[in-house]
Amino acid sequence: MKRTFFTIAIGITSLFFAQAQGNIKFGITGGLLNSDANIDLSVGDIFDITSIDAVNETGFYIGVISDFEISDSFHVQPELTYGSAGDLSFVYLPVMAKYYILLNKLHIQAGPQFSFSSNLDDIKGAIQDIDGVLGTNSNLDDVLKTVGIDFGFGAGFDISNQFTIQARYAFELTDRYSGPLGNSLDIKGATLNVGFAYFF
């Protein structure tokens, strides 16, 4: 799965290099990160029993960013960032399509975000409580997937050619849980980023 993750990332980035007709910019990005994870328990994925707000923490993200100008109004913006909030930490690879809607300054953005977890202690604690009640006693490192796919959308404003502010919300499309409870337990997260980008 990790190999697939990085193969997709390299393929997407290479495609944008090939398609870019105008300027290509590189820079740094960072800001505030809010990470939220819900654990949903159901009976055979038919009807819900309960939903636990396992994580709702605020931290930071920092990383590198690029901007590929496909046309005057359409750009593609890949990023590679590290984010930490509470006892959760991830490496993110969002690939956002940007469409400028006002004076080549204000844009909307949307696209996939690949995430690789480096620490899921908060989620592990919540699952451990459920495992204890239900008696499954699973090995948490074996039942939590480290790679996820999200969908992100947001907006940004170019203050200058070098400095941009942006906000983005992303929610997981994939389930982080692959343990003995099967479809009866779902773990999906969401992130909210509010920050800046500085292009060299």
N, C-alpha and C. Protein backbone atom coordinates (compact mmCIF):
# COMPACT_ATOMS: atom_id res chain seq x y z
N MET A 1 0.82 -1.21 0.00
CA MET A 1 0.00 0.00 0.00
C MET A 1 0.86 1.26 0.00
N LYS A 2 1.96 1.22 0.78
CA LYS A 2 2.85 2.38 0.81
C LYS A 2 3.47 2.62 -0.56
N ARG A 3 3.86 1.52 -1.23
CA ARG A 3 4.46 1.65 -2.56
C ARG A 3 3.46 2.24 -3.53
N THR A 4 2.21 1.81 -3.46
CA THR A 4 1.16 2.36 -4.32
C THR A 4 0.97 3.85 -4.06
N PHE A 5 0.99 4.23 -2.80
CA PHE A 5 0.83 5.62 -2.38
C PHE A 5 1.87 6.51 -3.06
N PHE A 6 3.14 6.12 -2.97
CA PHE A 6 4.20 6.95 -3.51
C PHE A 6 4.25 6.89 -5.04
N THR A 7 3.86 5.76 -5.63
CA THR A 7 3.80 5.65 -7.08
C THR A 7 2.76 6.62 -7.65
N ILE A 8 1.59 6.67 -7.01
CA ILE A 8 0.54 7.59 -7.43
C ILE A 8 1.02 9.04 -7.30
N ALA A 9 1.66 9.34 -6.18
CA ALA A 9 2.15 10.70 -5.94
C ALA A 9 3.14 11.14 -7.01
N ILE A 10 4.10 10.27 -7.32
CA ILE A 10 5.10 10.61 -8.33
C ILE A 10 4.45 10.74 -9.71
N GLY A 11 3.51 9.86 -10.02
CA GLY A 11 2.83 9.90 -11.31
C GLY A 11 2.04 11.19 -11.50
N ILE A 12 1.30 11.59 -10.48
CA ILE A 12 0.50 12.81 -10.57
C ILE A 12 1.40 14.03 -10.76
N THR A 13 2.48 14.11 -9.97
CA THR A 13 3.39 15.25 -10.07
C THR A 13 4.04 15.31 -11.44
N SER A 14 4.46 14.17 -11.97
CA SER A 14 5.08 14.13 -13.30
C SER A 14 4.11 14.59 -14.39
N LEU A 15 2.84 14.20 -14.25
CA LEU A 15 1.82 14.61 -15.21
C LEU A 15 1.67 16.12 -15.24
N PHE A 16 1.70 16.76 -14.07
CA PHE A 16 1.54 18.21 -14.02
C PHE A 16 2.74 18.92 -14.61
N PHE A 17 3.94 18.38 -14.41
CA PHE A 17 5.12 18.96 -15.05
C PHE A 17 4.96 18.94 -16.57
N ALA A 18 4.44 17.84 -17.09
CA ALA A 18 4.29 17.69 -18.54
C ALA A 18 3.22 18.62 -19.11
N GLN A 19 2.14 18.87 -18.34
CA GLN A 19 1.01 19.65 -18.84
C GLN A 19 1.16 21.15 -18.61
N ALA A 20 2.03 21.55 -17.70
CA ALA A 20 2.13 22.97 -17.35
C ALA A 20 2.57 23.79 -18.56
N GLN A 21 1.80 24.83 -18.88
CA GLN A 21 2.08 25.69 -20.03
C GLN A 21 2.74 27.00 -19.63
N GLY A 22 2.61 27.38 -18.36
CA GLY A 22 3.14 28.66 -17.92
C GLY A 22 4.14 28.49 -16.81
N ASN A 23 4.04 29.35 -15.81
CA ASN A 23 4.99 29.36 -14.72
C ASN A 23 4.82 28.16 -13.80
N ILE A 24 5.93 27.71 -13.26
CA ILE A 24 5.94 26.70 -12.21
C ILE A 24 6.64 27.32 -11.01
N LYS A 25 5.96 27.34 -9.86
CA LYS A 25 6.51 27.96 -8.66
C LYS A 25 6.65 26.92 -7.56
N PHE A 26 7.64 27.14 -6.70
CA PHE A 26 7.85 26.28 -5.56
C PHE A 26 7.98 27.15 -4.31
N GLY A 27 7.58 26.59 -3.17
CA GLY A 27 7.66 27.39 -1.96
C GLY A 27 7.45 26.55 -0.71
N ILE A 28 7.12 27.25 0.37
CA ILE A 28 6.86 26.61 1.65
C ILE A 28 5.45 26.98 2.11
N THR A 29 4.88 26.14 2.95
CA THR A 29 3.52 26.39 3.45
C THR A 29 3.43 25.95 4.90
N GLY A 30 2.49 26.53 5.62
CA GLY A 30 2.30 26.15 7.02
C GLY A 30 1.12 26.89 7.61
N GLY A 31 0.74 26.48 8.82
CA GLY A 31 -0.37 27.13 9.50
C GLY A 31 -1.00 26.25 10.56
N LEU A 32 -2.25 26.55 10.88
CA LEU A 32 -2.99 25.81 11.89
C LEU A 32 -3.70 24.60 11.28
N LEU A 33 -3.74 23.51 12.05
CA LEU A 33 -4.39 22.28 11.62
C LEU A 33 -5.34 21.81 12.71
N ASN A 34 -6.60 21.57 12.34
CA ASN A 34 -7.53 20.93 13.26
C ASN A 34 -7.82 19.53 12.73
N SER A 35 -7.59 18.53 13.58
CA SER A 35 -7.79 17.14 13.19
C SER A 35 -8.92 16.54 13.99
N ASP A 36 -9.85 15.89 13.29
CA ASP A 36 -11.03 15.31 13.91
C ASP A 36 -11.18 13.88 13.42
N ALA A 37 -11.46 12.95 14.35
CA ALA A 37 -11.67 11.55 13.96
C ALA A 37 -12.87 11.00 14.70
N ASN A 38 -13.76 10.37 13.96
CA ASN A 38 -14.97 9.76 14.53
C ASN A 38 -14.91 8.25 14.40
N ILE A 39 -15.37 7.57 15.43
CA ILE A 39 -15.50 6.11 15.41
C ILE A 39 -16.99 5.79 15.45
N ASP A 40 -17.47 5.15 14.39
CA ASP A 40 -18.89 4.80 14.28
C ASP A 40 -19.06 3.30 14.49
N LEU A 41 -19.94 2.94 15.42
CA LEU A 41 -20.22 1.54 15.72
C LEU A 41 -21.65 1.23 15.29
N SER A 42 -21.80 0.15 14.50
CA SER A 42 -23.12 -0.22 13.98
C SER A 42 -23.29 -1.73 14.04
N VAL A 43 -24.49 -2.18 13.73
CA VAL A 43 -24.77 -3.61 13.64
C VAL A 43 -24.73 -3.99 12.16
N GLY A 44 -23.64 -4.66 11.78
CA GLY A 44 -23.50 -5.12 10.40
C GLY A 44 -23.60 -4.01 9.38
N ASP A 45 -23.26 -2.78 9.77
CA ASP A 45 -23.34 -1.63 8.87
C ASP A 45 -24.78 -1.38 8.39
N ILE A 46 -25.76 -1.86 9.18
CA ILE A 46 -27.17 -1.69 8.82
C ILE A 46 -27.78 -0.51 9.56
N PHE A 47 -27.64 -0.52 10.90
CA PHE A 47 -28.11 0.65 11.65
C PHE A 47 -27.10 1.00 12.73
N ASP A 48 -27.00 2.30 12.98
CA ASP A 48 -25.97 2.83 13.88
C ASP A 48 -26.32 2.58 15.34
N ILE A 49 -25.28 2.25 16.13
CA ILE A 49 -25.43 2.11 17.57
C ILE A 49 -24.97 3.38 18.26
N THR A 50 -23.74 3.81 17.91
CA THR A 50 -23.21 5.02 18.53
C THR A 50 -22.11 5.61 17.65
N SER A 51 -21.83 6.87 17.88
CA SER A 51 -20.73 7.56 17.20
C SER A 51 -19.89 8.26 18.26
N ILE A 52 -18.60 7.97 18.26
CA ILE A 52 -17.69 8.53 19.27
C ILE A 52 -16.79 9.55 18.60
N ASP A 53 -16.77 10.77 19.16
CA ASP A 53 -15.85 11.80 18.68
C ASP A 53 -14.51 11.53 19.36
N ALA A 54 -13.70 10.65 18.74
CA ALA A 54 -12.48 10.16 19.39
C ALA A 54 -11.40 11.23 19.49
N VAL A 55 -11.31 12.08 18.48
CA VAL A 55 -10.25 13.09 18.44
C VAL A 55 -10.81 14.39 17.91
N ASN A 56 -10.47 15.47 18.57
CA ASN A 56 -10.73 16.81 18.06
C ASN A 56 -9.65 17.72 18.63
N GLU A 57 -8.54 17.79 17.92
CA GLU A 57 -7.36 18.48 18.41
C GLU A 57 -6.87 19.52 17.40
N THR A 58 -6.24 20.56 17.91
CA THR A 58 -5.68 21.61 17.06
C THR A 58 -4.16 21.60 17.19
N GLY A 59 -3.49 21.70 16.05
CA GLY A 59 -2.03 21.71 16.05
C GLY A 59 -1.51 22.55 14.90
N PHE A 60 -0.56 22.01 14.17
CA PHE A 60 0.09 22.78 13.10
C PHE A 60 0.38 21.87 11.92
N TYR A 61 0.65 22.49 10.79
CA TYR A 61 1.18 21.78 9.63
C TYR A 61 2.26 22.62 8.98
N ILE A 62 3.21 21.97 8.34
CA ILE A 62 4.30 22.67 7.67
C ILE A 62 4.83 21.79 6.55
N GLY A 63 5.28 22.40 5.45
CA GLY A 63 5.78 21.59 4.36
C GLY A 63 6.17 22.40 3.15
N VAL A 64 6.20 21.72 2.01
CA VAL A 64 6.59 22.36 0.75
C VAL A 64 5.38 22.36 -0.19
N ILE A 65 5.39 23.29 -1.13
CA ILE A 65 4.25 23.49 -2.01
C ILE A 65 4.75 23.87 -3.40
N SER A 66 3.97 23.55 -4.42
CA SER A 66 4.29 23.97 -5.79
C SER A 66 3.01 24.40 -6.49
N ASP A 67 3.17 25.16 -7.54
CA ASP A 67 2.03 25.66 -8.30
C ASP A 67 2.35 25.53 -9.79
N PHE A 68 1.50 24.77 -10.50
CA PHE A 68 1.67 24.55 -11.93
C PHE A 68 0.58 25.32 -12.67
N GLU A 69 0.97 26.30 -13.47
CA GLU A 69 0.00 27.10 -14.23
C GLU A 69 -0.35 26.37 -15.52
N ILE A 70 -1.56 25.82 -15.57
CA ILE A 70 -2.05 25.16 -16.78
C ILE A 70 -2.60 26.19 -17.75
N SER A 71 -3.32 27.17 -17.22
CA SER A 71 -3.81 28.32 -17.99
C SER A 71 -3.91 29.50 -17.04
N ASP A 72 -4.37 30.66 -17.52
CA ASP A 72 -4.46 31.84 -16.66
C ASP A 72 -5.37 31.60 -15.47
N SER A 73 -6.45 30.87 -15.67
CA SER A 73 -7.43 30.70 -14.60
C SER A 73 -7.36 29.33 -13.91
N PHE A 74 -6.59 28.39 -14.49
CA PHE A 74 -6.55 27.04 -13.92
C PHE A 74 -5.12 26.65 -13.56
N HIS A 75 -4.91 26.33 -12.29
CA HIS A 75 -3.61 25.89 -11.79
C HIS A 75 -3.79 24.57 -11.05
N VAL A 76 -2.68 23.85 -10.88
CA VAL A 76 -2.67 22.64 -10.05
C VAL A 76 -1.62 22.84 -8.96
N GLN A 77 -2.01 22.52 -7.74
CA GLN A 77 -1.16 22.81 -6.58
C GLN A 77 -0.91 21.55 -5.74
N PRO A 78 0.19 20.83 -5.98
CA PRO A 78 0.56 19.72 -5.09
C PRO A 78 1.32 20.26 -3.87
N GLU A 79 1.16 19.57 -2.75
CA GLU A 79 1.86 19.92 -1.53
C GLU A 79 2.36 18.63 -0.87
N LEU A 80 3.36 18.76 -0.04
CA LEU A 80 3.82 17.66 0.81
C LEU A 80 4.05 18.25 2.19
N THR A 81 3.19 17.88 3.14
CA THR A 81 3.24 18.53 4.45
C THR A 81 3.25 17.49 5.58
N TYR A 82 3.75 17.95 6.72
CA TYR A 82 3.67 17.18 7.96
C TYR A 82 2.72 17.92 8.89
N GLY A 83 1.76 17.17 9.47
CA GLY A 83 0.80 17.79 10.38
C GLY A 83 0.74 17.05 11.70
N SER A 84 0.60 17.80 12.79
CA SER A 84 0.53 17.20 14.12
C SER A 84 -0.54 17.91 14.93
N ALA A 85 -1.40 17.10 15.60
CA ALA A 85 -2.45 17.65 16.46
C ALA A 85 -2.72 16.62 17.56
N GLY A 86 -2.51 17.01 18.81
CA GLY A 86 -2.66 16.06 19.90
C GLY A 86 -1.68 14.92 19.74
N ASP A 87 -2.17 13.68 19.87
CA ASP A 87 -1.33 12.50 19.66
C ASP A 87 -1.52 11.90 18.27
N LEU A 88 -1.95 12.73 17.33
CA LEU A 88 -2.06 12.32 15.93
C LEU A 88 -1.02 13.06 15.11
N SER A 89 -0.38 12.36 14.19
CA SER A 89 0.53 13.02 13.25
C SER A 89 0.47 12.31 11.92
N PHE A 90 0.51 13.09 10.85
CA PHE A 90 0.35 12.56 9.50
C PHE A 90 1.32 13.26 8.55
N VAL A 91 1.63 12.57 7.47
CA VAL A 91 2.24 13.19 6.30
C VAL A 91 1.15 13.27 5.24
N TYR A 92 0.93 14.46 4.69
CA TYR A 92 -0.15 14.68 3.73
C TYR A 92 0.41 15.00 2.35
N LEU A 93 -0.27 14.50 1.33
CA LEU A 93 0.03 14.86 -0.05
C LEU A 93 -1.27 15.27 -0.74
N PRO A 94 -1.67 16.55 -0.57
CA PRO A 94 -2.84 17.03 -1.30
C PRO A 94 -2.44 17.47 -2.71
N VAL A 95 -3.32 17.21 -3.66
CA VAL A 95 -3.13 17.66 -5.04
C VAL A 95 -4.39 18.42 -5.42
N MET A 96 -4.32 19.74 -5.32
CA MET A 96 -5.50 20.58 -5.49
C MET A 96 -5.56 21.21 -6.88
N ALA A 97 -6.72 21.10 -7.51
CA ALA A 97 -7.01 21.86 -8.73
C ALA A 97 -7.51 23.24 -8.29
N LYS A 98 -6.89 24.30 -8.80
CA LYS A 98 -7.25 25.67 -8.41
C LYS A 98 -7.88 26.40 -9.60
N TYR A 99 -9.01 27.02 -9.34
CA TYR A 99 -9.68 27.80 -10.38
C TYR A 99 -9.87 29.22 -9.88
N TYR A 100 -9.28 30.17 -10.60
CA TYR A 100 -9.35 31.58 -10.20
C TYR A 100 -10.68 32.18 -10.64
N ILE A 101 -11.37 32.81 -9.70
CA ILE A 101 -12.70 33.33 -9.98
C ILE A 101 -12.77 34.85 -9.88
N LEU A 102 -11.71 35.50 -9.39
CA LEU A 102 -11.76 36.95 -9.25
C LEU A 102 -10.37 37.55 -9.42
N LEU A 103 -10.17 38.30 -10.50
CA LEU A 103 -8.99 39.12 -10.73
C LEU A 103 -7.67 38.36 -10.58
N ASN A 104 -7.69 37.06 -10.90
CA ASN A 104 -6.50 36.23 -10.71
C ASN A 104 -5.93 36.31 -9.31
N LYS A 105 -6.82 36.55 -8.34
CA LYS A 105 -6.41 36.63 -6.93
C LYS A 105 -7.14 35.60 -6.07
N LEU A 106 -8.46 35.59 -6.17
CA LEU A 106 -9.28 34.68 -5.36
C LEU A 106 -9.51 33.39 -6.14
N HIS A 107 -9.24 32.27 -5.49
CA HIS A 107 -9.45 30.98 -6.17
C HIS A 107 -10.17 30.00 -5.26
N ILE A 108 -10.83 29.04 -5.90
CA ILE A 108 -11.38 27.90 -5.19
C ILE A 108 -10.53 26.69 -5.55
N GLN A 109 -10.51 25.69 -4.67
CA GLN A 109 -9.66 24.53 -4.92
C GLN A 109 -10.34 23.26 -4.46
N ALA A 110 -10.02 22.17 -5.13
CA ALA A 110 -10.58 20.86 -4.77
C ALA A 110 -9.70 19.78 -5.35
N GLY A 111 -9.68 18.61 -4.68
CA GLY A 111 -8.90 17.50 -5.20
C GLY A 111 -8.63 16.45 -4.14
N PRO A 112 -7.90 15.41 -4.53
CA PRO A 112 -7.59 14.32 -3.59
C PRO A 112 -6.47 14.70 -2.63
N GLN A 113 -6.48 14.06 -1.49
CA GLN A 113 -5.39 14.20 -0.53
C GLN A 113 -5.03 12.81 0.00
N PHE A 114 -3.79 12.44 -0.17
CA PHE A 114 -3.30 11.17 0.35
C PHE A 114 -2.66 11.44 1.71
N SER A 115 -2.94 10.58 2.67
CA SER A 115 -2.39 10.79 4.02
C SER A 115 -1.72 9.53 4.52
N PHE A 116 -0.58 9.69 5.16
CA PHE A 116 0.17 8.60 5.74
C PHE A 116 0.36 8.88 7.23
N SER A 117 -0.17 8.01 8.07
CA SER A 117 -0.13 8.25 9.51
C SER A 117 1.21 7.84 10.09
N SER A 118 1.76 8.69 10.96
CA SER A 118 2.99 8.35 11.67
C SER A 118 2.73 8.15 13.16
N ASN A 119 1.55 8.56 13.64
CA ASN A 119 1.19 8.36 15.05
C ASN A 119 -0.33 8.45 15.18
N LEU A 120 -0.96 7.36 15.66
CA LEU A 120 -2.41 7.32 15.83
C LEU A 120 -2.79 6.98 17.27
N ASP A 121 -2.00 7.47 18.22
CA ASP A 121 -2.21 7.07 19.62
C ASP A 121 -3.59 7.44 20.15
N ASP A 122 -4.10 8.61 19.78
CA ASP A 122 -5.44 9.01 20.25
C ASP A 122 -6.51 8.04 19.78
N ILE A 123 -6.43 7.64 18.51
CA ILE A 123 -7.41 6.70 17.96
C ILE A 123 -7.23 5.32 18.58
N LYS A 124 -5.98 4.92 18.80
CA LYS A 124 -5.71 3.62 19.42
C LYS A 124 -6.35 3.53 20.81
N GLY A 125 -6.26 4.64 21.57
CA GLY A 125 -6.85 4.64 22.90
C GLY A 125 -8.35 4.43 22.87
N ALA A 126 -9.01 5.09 21.90
CA ALA A 126 -10.47 4.96 21.80
C ALA A 126 -10.87 3.55 21.36
N ILE A 127 -10.13 2.96 20.43
CA ILE A 127 -10.45 1.60 19.98
C ILE A 127 -10.19 0.59 21.09
N GLN A 128 -9.15 0.82 21.87
CA GLN A 128 -8.82 -0.09 22.96
C GLN A 128 -9.99 -0.19 23.94
N ASP A 129 -10.63 0.95 24.20
CA ASP A 129 -11.80 0.95 25.09
C ASP A 129 -12.93 0.11 24.51
N ILE A 130 -13.17 0.25 23.20
CA ILE A 130 -14.24 -0.52 22.54
C ILE A 130 -13.89 -2.00 22.53
N ASP A 131 -12.63 -2.31 22.19
CA ASP A 131 -12.19 -3.71 22.19
C ASP A 131 -12.38 -4.35 23.55
N GLY A 132 -12.08 -3.58 24.61
CA GLY A 132 -12.23 -4.12 25.95
C GLY A 132 -13.67 -4.46 26.29
N VAL A 133 -14.60 -3.60 25.85
CA VAL A 133 -16.02 -3.84 26.12
C VAL A 133 -16.54 -5.02 25.31
N LEU A 134 -16.13 -5.11 24.03
CA LEU A 134 -16.64 -6.16 23.15
C LEU A 134 -15.84 -7.46 23.22
N GLY A 135 -14.68 -7.40 23.85
CA GLY A 135 -13.89 -8.61 24.04
C GLY A 135 -13.11 -9.07 22.82
N THR A 136 -12.85 -8.19 21.86
CA THR A 136 -12.09 -8.61 20.67
C THR A 136 -10.59 -8.61 20.94
N ASN A 137 -10.13 -7.63 21.76
CA ASN A 137 -8.71 -7.57 22.15
C ASN A 137 -7.76 -7.71 20.96
N SER A 138 -8.00 -6.92 19.93
CA SER A 138 -7.18 -6.99 18.73
C SER A 138 -5.87 -6.23 18.91
N ASN A 139 -4.88 -6.59 18.11
CA ASN A 139 -3.61 -5.87 18.09
C ASN A 139 -3.83 -4.59 17.29
N LEU A 140 -3.76 -3.45 17.96
CA LEU A 140 -4.15 -2.19 17.33
C LEU A 140 -3.27 -1.81 16.15
N ASP A 141 -1.99 -2.18 16.21
CA ASP A 141 -1.10 -1.86 15.09
C ASP A 141 -1.49 -2.65 13.83
N ASP A 142 -2.15 -3.78 14.02
CA ASP A 142 -2.55 -4.61 12.88
C ASP A 142 -3.89 -4.20 12.28
N VAL A 143 -4.74 -3.53 13.06
CA VAL A 143 -6.09 -3.23 12.58
C VAL A 143 -6.26 -1.80 12.08
N LEU A 144 -5.23 -0.96 12.24
CA LEU A 144 -5.32 0.43 11.78
C LEU A 144 -4.50 0.62 10.51
N LYS A 145 -5.14 1.09 9.46
CA LYS A 145 -4.45 1.33 8.19
C LYS A 145 -3.65 2.62 8.29
N THR A 146 -2.44 2.58 7.78
CA THR A 146 -1.56 3.75 7.86
C THR A 146 -1.76 4.72 6.71
N VAL A 147 -2.36 4.26 5.60
CA VAL A 147 -2.54 5.11 4.42
C VAL A 147 -4.03 5.34 4.17
N GLY A 148 -4.40 6.58 3.93
CA GLY A 148 -5.78 6.91 3.64
C GLY A 148 -5.90 7.85 2.45
N ILE A 149 -7.08 7.92 1.89
CA ILE A 149 -7.36 8.83 0.77
C ILE A 149 -8.49 9.76 1.20
N ASP A 150 -8.27 11.05 1.06
CA ASP A 150 -9.24 12.07 1.44
C ASP A 150 -9.69 12.84 0.21
N PHE A 151 -10.77 13.60 0.40
CA PHE A 151 -11.17 14.59 -0.60
C PHE A 151 -11.15 15.95 0.08
N GLY A 152 -10.45 16.90 -0.54
CA GLY A 152 -10.32 18.23 0.06
C GLY A 152 -10.89 19.31 -0.83
N PHE A 153 -11.36 20.38 -0.19
CA PHE A 153 -11.85 21.55 -0.93
C PHE A 153 -11.65 22.79 -0.08
N GLY A 154 -11.49 23.92 -0.74
CA GLY A 154 -11.25 25.15 0.02
C GLY A 154 -11.14 26.35 -0.90
N ALA A 155 -10.46 27.37 -0.40
CA ALA A 155 -10.30 28.61 -1.15
C ALA A 155 -9.02 29.30 -0.71
N GLY A 156 -8.55 30.19 -1.54
CA GLY A 156 -7.34 30.94 -1.20
C GLY A 156 -7.36 32.30 -1.86
N PHE A 157 -6.44 33.14 -1.40
CA PHE A 157 -6.32 34.49 -1.96
C PHE A 157 -4.85 34.84 -2.10
N ASP A 158 -4.45 35.23 -3.32
CA ASP A 158 -3.06 35.60 -3.58
C ASP A 158 -2.86 37.07 -3.22
N ILE A 159 -2.21 37.31 -2.09
CA ILE A 159 -1.93 38.69 -1.68
C ILE A 159 -0.91 39.32 -2.62
N SER A 160 0.04 38.51 -3.08
CA SER A 160 1.02 38.94 -4.07
C SER A 160 1.41 37.72 -4.89
N ASN A 161 2.37 37.89 -5.81
CA ASN A 161 2.83 36.75 -6.59
C ASN A 161 3.53 35.70 -5.73
N GLN A 162 3.99 36.12 -4.57
CA GLN A 162 4.75 35.22 -3.70
C GLN A 162 3.96 34.73 -2.49
N PHE A 163 3.01 35.51 -2.01
CA PHE A 163 2.36 35.20 -0.73
C PHE A 163 0.87 34.92 -0.93
N THR A 164 0.42 33.77 -0.43
CA THR A 164 -0.97 33.33 -0.54
C THR A 164 -1.48 32.88 0.82
N ILE A 165 -2.72 33.20 1.12
CA ILE A 165 -3.38 32.63 2.29
C ILE A 165 -4.45 31.66 1.79
N GLN A 166 -4.69 30.58 2.54
CA GLN A 166 -5.65 29.58 2.09
C GLN A 166 -6.26 28.82 3.27
N ALA A 167 -7.44 28.27 3.03
CA ALA A 167 -8.12 27.42 4.00
C ALA A 167 -8.69 26.23 3.26
N ARG A 168 -8.58 25.03 3.89
CA ARG A 168 -9.03 23.82 3.21
C ARG A 168 -9.60 22.83 4.23
N TYR A 169 -10.70 22.19 3.83
CA TYR A 169 -11.29 21.12 4.63
C TYR A 169 -11.17 19.82 3.85
N ALA A 170 -10.75 18.75 4.51
CA ALA A 170 -10.62 17.45 3.83
C ALA A 170 -11.23 16.37 4.72
N PHE A 171 -11.96 15.45 4.09
CA PHE A 171 -12.55 14.34 4.83
C PHE A 171 -12.14 13.02 4.19
N GLU A 172 -11.96 12.00 5.03
CA GLU A 172 -11.48 10.72 4.55
C GLU A 172 -12.55 9.96 3.78
N LEU A 173 -12.14 9.38 2.66
CA LEU A 173 -13.01 8.51 1.88
C LEU A 173 -12.81 7.05 2.27
N THR A 174 -11.64 6.75 2.81
CA THR A 174 -11.31 5.38 3.20
C THR A 174 -11.49 5.19 4.70
N ASP A 175 -11.73 3.94 5.09
CA ASP A 175 -11.90 3.58 6.49
C ASP A 175 -10.55 3.16 7.05
N ARG A 176 -10.17 3.71 8.21
CA ARG A 176 -8.88 3.40 8.82
C ARG A 176 -8.87 2.04 9.53
N TYR A 177 -10.03 1.46 9.76
CA TYR A 177 -10.12 0.23 10.56
C TYR A 177 -10.25 -1.00 9.67
N SER A 178 -9.46 -2.04 9.99
CA SER A 178 -9.53 -3.29 9.22
C SER A 178 -9.47 -4.49 10.16
N GLY A 179 -10.08 -4.35 11.34
CA GLY A 179 -10.00 -5.39 12.36
C GLY A 179 -11.16 -6.35 12.37
N PRO A 180 -11.27 -7.14 13.44
CA PRO A 180 -12.27 -8.22 13.50
C PRO A 180 -13.72 -7.73 13.55
N LEU A 181 -13.95 -6.47 13.88
CA LEU A 181 -15.32 -5.97 13.91
C LEU A 181 -15.84 -5.63 12.52
N GLY A 182 -14.95 -5.65 11.52
CA GLY A 182 -15.36 -5.49 10.12
C GLY A 182 -16.14 -4.22 9.86
N ASN A 183 -17.26 -4.34 9.14
CA ASN A 183 -18.08 -3.18 8.77
C ASN A 183 -18.84 -2.59 9.95
N SER A 184 -18.77 -3.25 11.09
CA SER A 184 -19.49 -2.73 12.26
C SER A 184 -18.76 -1.57 12.92
N LEU A 185 -17.50 -1.37 12.58
CA LEU A 185 -16.74 -0.27 13.16
C LEU A 185 -16.03 0.49 12.04
N ASP A 186 -16.30 1.77 11.94
CA ASP A 186 -15.69 2.62 10.93
C ASP A 186 -14.93 3.75 11.62
N ILE A 187 -13.73 4.02 11.12
CA ILE A 187 -12.94 5.15 11.61
C ILE A 187 -12.61 6.04 10.44
N LYS A 188 -13.11 7.26 10.48
CA LYS A 188 -12.82 8.22 9.42
C LYS A 188 -12.51 9.56 10.05
N GLY A 189 -11.53 10.24 9.47
CA GLY A 189 -11.10 11.51 10.01
C GLY A 189 -11.37 12.66 9.06
N ALA A 190 -11.12 13.85 9.55
CA ALA A 190 -11.25 15.07 8.76
C ALA A 190 -10.24 16.08 9.26
N THR A 191 -9.80 16.94 8.39
CA THR A 191 -8.85 17.98 8.77
C THR A 191 -9.29 19.34 8.23
N LEU A 192 -8.97 20.37 8.98
CA LEU A 192 -9.18 21.75 8.55
C LEU A 192 -7.84 22.47 8.65
N ASN A 193 -7.37 22.98 7.52
CA ASN A 193 -6.11 23.73 7.47
C ASN A 193 -6.41 25.20 7.21
N VAL A 194 -5.78 26.07 7.97
CA VAL A 194 -5.84 27.50 7.73
C VAL A 194 -4.40 28.02 7.80
N GLY A 195 -3.89 28.52 6.67
CA GLY A 195 -2.49 28.91 6.71
C GLY A 195 -2.07 29.76 5.52
N PHE A 196 -0.79 29.67 5.20
CA PHE A 196 -0.19 30.53 4.17
C PHE A 196 0.69 29.69 3.27
N ALA A 197 1.05 30.27 2.16
CA ALA A 197 2.07 29.70 1.29
C ALA A 197 2.96 30.84 0.81
N TYR A 198 4.26 30.60 0.83
CA TYR A 198 5.23 31.59 0.33
C TYR A 198 6.01 30.94 -0.81
N PHE A 199 5.91 31.54 -2.01
CA PHE A 199 6.59 31.02 -3.18
C PHE A 199 7.87 31.80 -3.44
N PHE A 200 8.92 31.08 -3.79
CA PHE A 200 10.22 31.72 -4.02
C PHE A 200 10.29 32.37 -5.39
